Amino acid sequence: MGRGRVQLKRIENKINRQVTFSKRRGGLLKKAHEISVLCDAEVALIVFSTKGKLFEYSTDSSMEKILDRYERYSIAERQLVEEPGSQGNWSLEYSKLRAKIELLQRNQRRFMGEDLDSLSPKDLQNMEQQLDVSLKNIRSRKNQLMYESISELQKKERAIQEQNNLLAKQIKEKEKTMAQQAQWEQQIHHGPNASAYLLSPHELTTLNMGGNYQGEPTEMRRNELDLTLEPIYTRHLGCFGA
């Protein structure tokens, strides 16, 4: 007897549903590969499980190129039908952006080492090469930043060293000036001719001459004083005689 037609409906048993999904998924991926080889067709297959896990298959032209080609074709086809500025264009643009976001998120997960089951050895090799190039660029940029930081620190170090040298020179000059001043003051207060340093030559001459002004002889100055006092003395004597 021939096998009867199986009615398609959701499998209620969770374990049986998961087993059937695994078997049918493998068969579907196999059929996609066969049609791409036999008919030289570009095939892209995307399957999401109930848990949201992605399974995909694409020919050698890669999934991204096939999706871009599909988007261009669908956009051109819908633009022929819909009028410009209609609500459908906004929906189409939204769908296009959403597809790109999902593609970027999937690539990000793959570069983080996730969802790699559906990738072929060639795709993994391409990802490895991209990661190597990215790693080289990152290291080059890191080394450049470290070199610039070291150069900046060296410049600051030289500037601080020059400032320290200048301050040390100023301190030495100040100490030398203070030492000379202290030595000079010591010579003034404790030297053998301390009074000579304290009085000017004119003052010394005045003191030696008994307070004479402008270097006049002592005798001449004394005679002038006697002439000035004589009338006063005579007048006073006359007053007493009267």
C-alpha atoms as a PDB file:
ATOM      1  CA  MET A   1       0.000   0.000   0.000  1.00  0.00           C
ATOM      2  CA  GLY A   2       1.159   3.491  -0.761  1.00  0.00           C
ATOM      3  CA  ARG A   3       1.841   6.007   1.922  1.00  0.00           C
ATOM      4  CA  GLY A   4      -1.029   8.372   2.548  1.00  0.00           C
ATOM      5  CA  ARG A   5      -0.786  12.096   2.335  1.00  0.00           C
ATOM      6  CA  VAL A   6       0.336  13.648   5.576  1.00  0.00           C
ATOM      7  CA  GLN A   7      -1.721  16.558   6.786  1.00  0.00           C
ATOM      8  CA  LEU A   8       0.416  19.600   7.433  1.00  0.00           C
ATOM      9  CA  LYS A   9      -0.136  21.113  10.847  1.00  0.00           C
ATOM     10  CA  ARG A  10       1.863  22.253  13.809  1.00  0.00           C
ATOM     11  CA  ILE A  11       3.491  19.485  15.778  1.00  0.00           C
ATOM     12  CA  GLU A  12       2.327  19.805  19.344  1.00  0.00           C
ATOM     13  CA  ASN A  13       5.081  17.754  20.976  1.00  0.00           C
ATOM     14  CA  LYS A  14       8.030  20.029  21.577  1.00  0.00           C
ATOM     15  CA  ILE A  15      10.669  17.313  21.246  1.00  0.00           C
ATOM     16  CA  ASN A  16       9.191  15.909  18.057  1.00  0.00           C
ATOM     17  CA  ARG A  17       8.866  19.428  16.683  1.00  0.00           C
ATOM     18  CA  GLN A  18      12.550  20.119  17.325  1.00  0.00           C
ATOM     19  CA  VAL A  19      13.628  16.809  15.756  1.00  0.00           C
ATOM     20  CA  THR A  20      11.490  17.446  12.693  1.00  0.00           C
ATOM     21  CA  PHE A  21      12.897  20.971  12.376  1.00  0.00           C
ATOM     22  CA  SER A  22      16.459  19.657  12.429  1.00  0.00           C
ATOM     23  CA  LYS A  23      15.737  17.011   9.788  1.00  0.00           C
ATOM     24  CA  ARG A  24      13.724  19.251   7.464  1.00  0.00           C
ATOM     25  CA  ARG A  25      16.228  22.089   7.845  1.00  0.00           C
ATOM     26  CA  GLY A  26      19.085  19.867   6.757  1.00  0.00           C
ATOM     27  CA  GLY A  27      17.069  18.619   3.783  1.00  0.00           C
ATOM     28  CA  LEU A  28      16.101  22.159   2.818  1.00  0.00           C
ATOM     29  CA  LEU A  29      19.715  23.335   2.907  1.00  0.00           C
ATOM     30  CA  LYS A  30      20.732  20.291   0.854  1.00  0.00           C
ATOM     31  CA  LYS A  31      18.074  21.003  -1.794  1.00  0.00           C
ATOM     32  CA  ALA A  32      19.151  24.686  -1.964  1.00  0.00           C
ATOM     33  CA  HIS A  33      22.739  23.612  -2.546  1.00  0.00           C
ATOM     34  CA  GLU A  34      21.686  21.086  -5.216  1.00  0.00           C
ATOM     35  CA  ILE A  35      19.624  23.591  -7.207  1.00  0.00           C
ATOM     36  CA  SER A  36      22.446  26.136  -7.070  1.00  0.00           C
ATOM     37  CA  VAL A  37      24.935  23.601  -8.449  1.00  0.00           C
ATOM     38  CA  LEU A  38      22.686  21.881 -11.017  1.00  0.00           C
ATOM     39  CA  CYS A  39      21.072  25.027 -12.399  1.00  0.00           C
ATOM     40  CA  ASP A  40      23.915  27.536 -11.805  1.00  0.00           C
ATOM     41  CA  ALA A  41      21.511  29.728  -9.852  1.00  0.00           C
ATOM     42  CA  GLU A  42      22.126  32.199  -7.077  1.00  0.00           C
ATOM     43  CA  VAL A  43      20.299  30.877  -4.040  1.00  0.00           C
ATOM     44  CA  ALA A  44      19.851  32.487  -0.650  1.00  0.00           C
ATOM     45  CA  LEU A  45      18.024  30.630   2.104  1.00  0.00           C
ATOM     46  CA  ILE A  46      17.200  32.132   5.505  1.00  0.00           C
ATOM     47  CA  VAL A  47      15.566  30.159   8.315  1.00  0.00           C
ATOM     48  CA  PHE A  48      14.784  31.331  11.848  1.00  0.00           C
ATOM     49  CA  SER A  49      13.978  28.769  14.510  1.00  0.00           C
ATOM     50  CA  THR A  50      11.279  29.231  17.150  1.00  0.00           C
ATOM     51  CA  LYS A  51      14.011  30.451  19.527  1.00  0.00           C
ATOM     52  CA  GLY A  52      15.160  33.061  17.020  1.00  0.00           C
ATOM     53  CA  LYS A  53      18.323  31.263  15.928  1.00  0.00           C
ATOM     54  CA  LEU A  54      19.365  31.994  12.359  1.00  0.00           C
ATOM     55  CA  PHE A  55      20.227  29.367   9.757  1.00  0.00           C
ATOM     56  CA  GLU A  56      21.144  30.405   6.257  1.00  0.00           C
ATOM     57  CA  TYR A  57      22.666  29.217   3.026  1.00  0.00           C
ATOM     58  CA  SER A  58      23.977  31.185   0.081  1.00  0.00           C
ATOM     59  CA  THR A  59      25.982  30.486  -3.022  1.00  0.00           C
ATOM     60  CA  ASP A  60      29.534  31.683  -3.602  1.00  0.00           C
ATOM     61  CA  SER A  61      28.307  35.212  -4.401  1.00  0.00           C
ATOM     62  CA  SER A  62      27.570  35.585  -0.645  1.00  0.00           C
ATOM     63  CA  MET A  63      24.335  36.400   1.142  1.00  0.00           C
ATOM     64  CA  GLU A  64      24.923  40.170   1.171  1.00  0.00           C
ATOM     65  CA  LYS A  65      25.223  40.430  -2.595  1.00  0.00           C
ATOM     66  CA  ILE A  66      22.103  38.353  -3.148  1.00  0.00           C
ATOM     67  CA  LEU A  67      20.093  40.435  -0.681  1.00  0.00           C
ATOM     68  CA  ASP A  68      21.299  43.677  -2.257  1.00  0.00           C
ATOM     69  CA  ARG A  69      20.329  42.362  -5.648  1.00  0.00           C
ATOM     70  CA  TYR A  70      16.906  41.350  -4.328  1.00  0.00           C
ATOM     71  CA  GLU A  71      16.347  44.763  -2.781  1.00  0.00           C
ATOM     72  CA  ARG A  72      17.262  46.579  -6.002  1.00  0.00           C
ATOM     73  CA  TYR A  73      14.986  44.342  -8.003  1.00  0.00           C
ATOM     74  CA  SER A  74      12.051  44.659  -5.614  1.00  0.00           C
ATOM     75  CA  ILE A  75      12.448  48.436  -5.398  1.00  0.00           C
ATOM     76  CA  ALA A  76      12.544  48.839  -9.174  1.00  0.00           C
ATOM     77  CA  GLU A  77       9.509  46.585  -9.557  1.00  0.00           C
ATOM     78  CA  ARG A  78       7.446  48.401  -6.955  1.00  0.00           C
ATOM     79  CA  GLN A  79       8.345  51.830  -8.279  1.00  0.00           C
ATOM     80  CA  LEU A  80       6.800  50.842 -11.580  1.00  0.00           C
ATOM     81  CA  VAL A  81       3.546  50.047  -9.821  1.00  0.00           C
ATOM     82  CA  GLU A  82       3.299  52.689  -7.126  1.00  0.00           C
ATOM     83  CA  GLU A  83       3.217  56.425  -7.653  1.00  0.00           C
ATOM     84  CA  PRO A  84       6.025  58.585  -6.282  1.00  0.00           C
ATOM     85  CA  GLY A  85       5.322  60.021  -2.846  1.00  0.00           C
ATOM     86  CA  SER A  86       2.726  57.407  -1.952  1.00  0.00           C
ATOM     87  CA  GLN A  87       2.555  55.616   1.351  1.00  0.00           C
ATOM     88  CA  GLY A  88       3.957  52.478  -0.244  1.00  0.00           C
ATOM     89  CA  ASN A  89       7.329  54.125  -0.847  1.00  0.00           C
ATOM     90  CA  TRP A  90       7.650  54.856   2.850  1.00  0.00           C
ATOM     91  CA  SER A  91       6.845  51.239   3.677  1.00  0.00           C
ATOM     92  CA  LEU A  92       9.364  50.075   1.119  1.00  0.00           C
ATOM     93  CA  GLU A  93      12.051  52.358   2.532  1.00  0.00           C
ATOM     94  CA  TYR A  94      11.273  51.118   6.024  1.00  0.00           C
ATOM     95  CA  SER A  95      11.568  47.505   4.932  1.00  0.00           C
ATOM     96  CA  LYS A  96      14.859  48.247   3.196  1.00  0.00           C
ATOM     97  CA  LEU A  97      16.351  49.930   6.247  1.00  0.00           C
ATOM     98  CA  ARG A  98      15.116  47.172   8.509  1.00  0.00           C
ATOM     99  CA  ALA A  99      16.735  44.529   6.311  1.00  0.00           C
ATOM    100  CA  LYS A 100      20.026  46.418   6.405  1.00  0.00           C
ATOM    101  CA  ILE A 101      19.850  46.698  10.191  1.00  0.00           C
ATOM    102  CA  GLU A 102      19.243  42.982  10.535  1.00  0.00           C
ATOM    103  CA  LEU A 103      22.146  42.277   8.196  1.00  0.00           C
ATOM    104  CA  LEU A 104      24.470  44.510  10.206  1.00  0.00           C
ATOM    105  CA  GLN A 105      23.370  42.924  13.455  1.00  0.00           C
ATOM    106  CA  ARG A 106      23.979  39.462  12.058  1.00  0.00           C
ATOM    107  CA  ASN A 107      27.458  40.427  10.863  1.00  0.00           C
ATOM    108  CA  GLN A 108      28.192  41.928  14.255  1.00  0.00           C
ATOM    109  CA  ARG A 109      27.210  38.714  16.010  1.00  0.00           C
ATOM    110  CA  ARG A 110      29.411  36.749  13.649  1.00  0.00           C
ATOM    111  CA  PHE A 111      32.397  38.978  14.245  1.00  0.00           C
ATOM    112  CA  MET A 112      31.801  38.423  17.959  1.00  0.00           C
ATOM    113  CA  GLY A 113      32.023  34.656  17.356  1.00  0.00           C
ATOM    114  CA  GLU A 114      28.294  33.881  17.405  1.00  0.00           C
ATOM    115  CA  ASP A 115      25.956  32.256  14.841  1.00  0.00           C
ATOM    116  CA  LEU A 116      28.800  30.656  12.881  1.00  0.00           C
ATOM    117  CA  ASP A 117      27.082  27.304  12.254  1.00  0.00           C
ATOM    118  CA  SER A 118      25.648  28.260   8.881  1.00  0.00           C
ATOM    119  CA  LEU A 119      28.923  29.685   7.474  1.00  0.00           C
ATOM    120  CA  SER A 120      31.006  27.754   4.972  1.00  0.00           C
ATOM    121  CA  PRO A 121      34.791  27.358   5.311  1.00  0.00           C
ATOM    122  CA  LYS A 122      35.262  30.030   2.659  1.00  0.00           C
ATOM    123  CA  ASP A 123      33.062  32.492   4.551  1.00  0.00           C
ATOM    124  CA  LEU A 124      34.962  31.784   7.757  1.00  0.00           C
ATOM    125  CA  GLN A 125      38.248  32.361   5.962  1.00  0.00           C
ATOM    126  CA  ASN A 126      36.999  35.700   4.625  1.00  0.00           C
ATOM    127  CA  MET A 127      35.906  36.721   8.113  1.00  0.00           C
ATOM    128  CA  GLU A 128      39.293  35.720   9.488  1.00  0.00           C
ATOM    129  CA  GLN A 129      41.074  37.880   6.910  1.00  0.00           C
ATOM    130  CA  GLN A 130      38.821  40.825   7.715  1.00  0.00           C
ATOM    131  CA  LEU A 131      39.526  40.410  11.417  1.00  0.00           C
ATOM    132  CA  ASP A 132      43.281  40.272  10.737  1.00  0.00           C
ATOM    133  CA  VAL A 133      43.127  43.516   8.757  1.00  0.00           C
ATOM    134  CA  SER A 134      41.022  45.166  11.451  1.00  0.00           C
ATOM    135  CA  LEU A 135      43.409  43.988  14.162  1.00  0.00           C
ATOM    136  CA  LYS A 136      46.402  45.412  12.273  1.00  0.00           C
ATOM    137  CA  ASN A 137      44.651  48.765  11.903  1.00  0.00           C
ATOM    138  CA  ILE A 138      43.737  48.799  15.590  1.00  0.00           C
ATOM    139  CA  ARG A 139      47.309  48.025  16.650  1.00  0.00           C
ATOM    140  CA  SER A 140      48.702  50.644  14.287  1.00  0.00           C
ATOM    141  CA  ARG A 141      46.368  53.288  15.690  1.00  0.00           C
ATOM    142  CA  LYS A 142      47.170  52.237  19.261  1.00  0.00           C
ATOM    143  CA  ASN A 143      50.922  52.484  18.634  1.00  0.00           C
ATOM    144  CA  GLN A 144      50.494  55.895  17.035  1.00  0.00           C
ATOM    145  CA  LEU A 145      48.547  57.198  20.037  1.00  0.00           C
ATOM    146  CA  MET A 146      51.138  55.780  22.448  1.00  0.00           C
ATOM    147  CA  TYR A 147      53.974  57.416  20.480  1.00  0.00           C
ATOM    148  CA  GLU A 148      52.188  60.775  20.476  1.00  0.00           C
ATOM    149  CA  SER A 149      51.533  60.484  24.209  1.00  0.00           C
ATOM    150  CA  ILE A 150      55.200  59.665  24.915  1.00  0.00           C
ATOM    151  CA  SER A 151      56.361  62.605  22.776  1.00  0.00           C
ATOM    152  CA  GLU A 152      54.048  64.968  24.622  1.00  0.00           C
ATOM    153  CA  LEU A 153      55.287  63.732  27.991  1.00  0.00           C
ATOM    154  CA  GLN A 154      58.898  64.174  26.881  1.00  0.00           C
ATOM    155  CA  LYS A 155      58.182  67.764  25.846  1.00  0.00           C
ATOM    156  CA  LYS A 156      56.609  68.474  29.237  1.00  0.00           C
ATOM    157  CA  GLU A 157      59.602  66.887  30.965  1.00  0.00           C
ATOM    158  CA  ARG A 158      62.045  69.093  29.049  1.00  0.00           C
ATOM    159  CA  ALA A 159      60.002  72.210  29.815  1.00  0.00           C
ATOM    160  CA  ILE A 160      59.906  71.362  33.537  1.00  0.00           C
ATOM    161  CA  GLN A 161      63.658  70.646  33.557  1.00  0.00           C
ATOM    162  CA  GLU A 162      64.409  73.999  31.930  1.00  0.00           C
ATOM    163  CA  GLN A 163      62.192  75.748  34.467  1.00  0.00           C
ATOM    164  CA  ASN A 164      63.962  73.964  37.328  1.00  0.00           C
ATOM    165  CA  ASN A 165      67.374  74.971  35.951  1.00  0.00           C
ATOM    166  CA  LEU A 166      66.258  78.589  35.682  1.00  0.00           C
ATOM    167  CA  LEU A 167      64.944  78.590  39.248  1.00  0.00           C
ATOM    168  CA  ALA A 168      68.164  76.991  40.524  1.00  0.00           C
ATOM    169  CA  LYS A 169      70.220  79.673  38.752  1.00  0.00           C
ATOM    170  CA  GLN A 170      68.094  82.448  40.244  1.00  0.00           C
ATOM    171  CA  ILE A 171      68.455  80.933  43.718  1.00  0.00           C
ATOM    172  CA  LYS A 172      72.250  80.771  43.366  1.00  0.00           C
ATOM    173  CA  GLU A 173      72.411  84.401  42.244  1.00  0.00           C
ATOM    174  CA  LYS A 174      70.200  85.433  45.159  1.00  0.00           C
ATOM    175  CA  GLU A 175      72.352  83.539  47.648  1.00  0.00           C
ATOM    176  CA  LYS A 176      75.505  85.112  46.190  1.00  0.00           C
ATOM    177  CA  THR A 177      74.024  88.615  46.456  1.00  0.00           C
ATOM    178  CA  MET A 178      72.931  88.032  50.050  1.00  0.00           C
ATOM    179  CA  ALA A 179      76.388  86.685  50.962  1.00  0.00           C
ATOM    180  CA  GLN A 180      78.097  89.753  49.481  1.00  0.00           C
ATOM    181  CA  GLN A 181      75.706  92.058  51.311  1.00  0.00           C
ATOM    182  CA  ALA A 182      76.307  90.274  54.615  1.00  0.00           C
ATOM    183  CA  GLN A 183      80.079  90.486  54.115  1.00  0.00           C
ATOM    184  CA  TRP A 184      79.874  94.200  53.351  1.00  0.00           C
ATOM    185  CA  GLU A 185      77.757  94.868  56.476  1.00  0.00           C
ATOM    186  CA  GLN A 186      80.232  92.883  58.598  1.00  0.00           C
ATOM    187  CA  GLN A 187      83.123  94.957  57.313  1.00  0.00           C
ATOM    188  CA  ILE A 188      81.233  98.166  58.135  1.00  0.00           C
ATOM    189  CA  HIS A 189      80.334  97.251  61.727  1.00  0.00           C
ATOM    190  CA  HIS A 190      83.450  95.318  62.762  1.00  0.00           C
ATOM    191  CA  GLY A 191      86.243  96.718  60.591  1.00  0.00           C
ATOM    192  CA  PRO A 192      89.273  98.723  61.897  1.00  0.00           C
ATOM    193  CA  ASN A 193      88.041 101.986  60.374  1.00  0.00           C
ATOM    194  CA  ALA A 194      84.313 101.581  60.984  1.00  0.00           C
ATOM    195  CA  SER A 195      83.794 105.321  61.697  1.00  0.00           C
ATOM    196  CA  ALA A 196      85.401 106.217  58.387  1.00  0.00           C
ATOM    197  CA  TYR A 197      82.747 104.147  56.594  1.00  0.00           C
ATOM    198  CA  LEU A 198      79.952 105.747  58.553  1.00  0.00           C
ATOM    199  CA  LEU A 199      81.006 109.445  58.062  1.00  0.00           C
ATOM    200  CA  SER A 200      81.696 111.247  54.845  1.00  0.00           C
ATOM    201  CA  PRO A 201      85.040 113.096  54.323  1.00  0.00           C
ATOM    202  CA  HIS A 202      83.335 116.515  54.620  1.00  0.00           C
ATOM    203  CA  GLU A 203      81.796 115.533  57.966  1.00  0.00           C
ATOM    204  CA  LEU A 204      85.181 114.289  59.201  1.00  0.00           C
ATOM    205  CA  THR A 205      86.820 117.631  58.193  1.00  0.00           C
ATOM    206  CA  THR A 206      84.118 119.633  60.004  1.00  0.00           C
ATOM    207  CA  LEU A 207      84.574 117.593  63.164  1.00  0.00           C
ATOM    208  CA  ASN A 208      88.385 117.878  63.093  1.00  0.00           C
ATOM    209  CA  MET A 209      88.230 121.698  62.635  1.00  0.00           C
ATOM    210  CA  GLY A 210      85.932 122.253  65.617  1.00  0.00           C
ATOM    211  CA  GLY A 211      82.783 122.758  63.620  1.00  0.00           C
ATOM    212  CA  ASN A 212      84.180 125.464  61.279  1.00  0.00           C
ATOM    213  CA  TYR A 213      82.241 126.177  58.167  1.00  0.00           C
ATOM    214  CA  GLN A 214      83.721 125.881  54.702  1.00  0.00           C
ATOM    215  CA  GLY A 215      87.204 125.163  56.040  1.00  0.00           C
ATOM    216  CA  GLU A 216      87.903 128.704  57.542  1.00  0.00           C
ATOM    217  CA  PRO A 217      90.854 129.044  60.007  1.00  0.00           C
ATOM    218  CA  THR A 218      89.989 128.711  63.657  1.00  0.00           C
ATOM    219  CA  GLU A 219      91.651 131.978  64.705  1.00  0.00           C
ATOM    220  CA  MET A 220      89.804 134.095  62.115  1.00  0.00           C
ATOM    221  CA  ARG A 221      86.488 132.604  63.172  1.00  0.00           C
ATOM    222  CA  ARG A 222      87.266 133.294  66.826  1.00  0.00           C
ATOM    223  CA  ASN A 223      88.110 136.956  66.076  1.00  0.00           C
ATOM    224  CA  GLU A 224      84.789 137.441  64.320  1.00  0.00           C
ATOM    225  CA  LEU A 225      83.007 136.105  67.379  1.00  0.00           C
ATOM    226  CA  ASP A 226      84.960 138.449  69.651  1.00  0.00           C
ATOM    227  CA  LEU A 227      84.096 141.482  67.497  1.00  0.00           C
ATOM    228  CA  THR A 228      80.464 140.523  67.564  1.00  0.00           C
ATOM    229  CA  LEU A 229      80.324 140.055  71.318  1.00  0.00           C
ATOM    230  CA  GLU A 230      82.404 143.170  72.275  1.00  0.00           C
ATOM    231  CA  PRO A 231      79.700 145.864  71.759  1.00  0.00           C
ATOM    232  CA  ILE A 232      77.194 143.760  73.630  1.00  0.00           C
ATOM    233  CA  TYR A 233      79.592 143.293  76.548  1.00  0.00           C
ATOM    234  CA  THR A 234      80.434 147.077  76.624  1.00  0.00           C
ATOM    235  CA  ARG A 235      76.775 148.040  76.588  1.00  0.00           C
ATOM    236  CA  HIS A 236      76.013 145.761  79.447  1.00  0.00           C
ATOM    237  CA  LEU A 237      78.944 147.133  81.440  1.00  0.00           C
ATOM    238  CA  GLY A 238      77.670 150.707  80.850  1.00  0.00           C
ATOM    239  CA  CYS A 239      74.298 149.714  82.182  1.00  0.00           C
ATOM    240  CA  PHE A 240      75.851 148.318  85.319  1.00  0.00           C
ATOM    241  CA  GLY A 241      78.034 151.512  85.772  1.00  0.00           C
ATOM    242  CA  ALA A 242      75.096 153.778  85.575  1.00  0.00           C
END
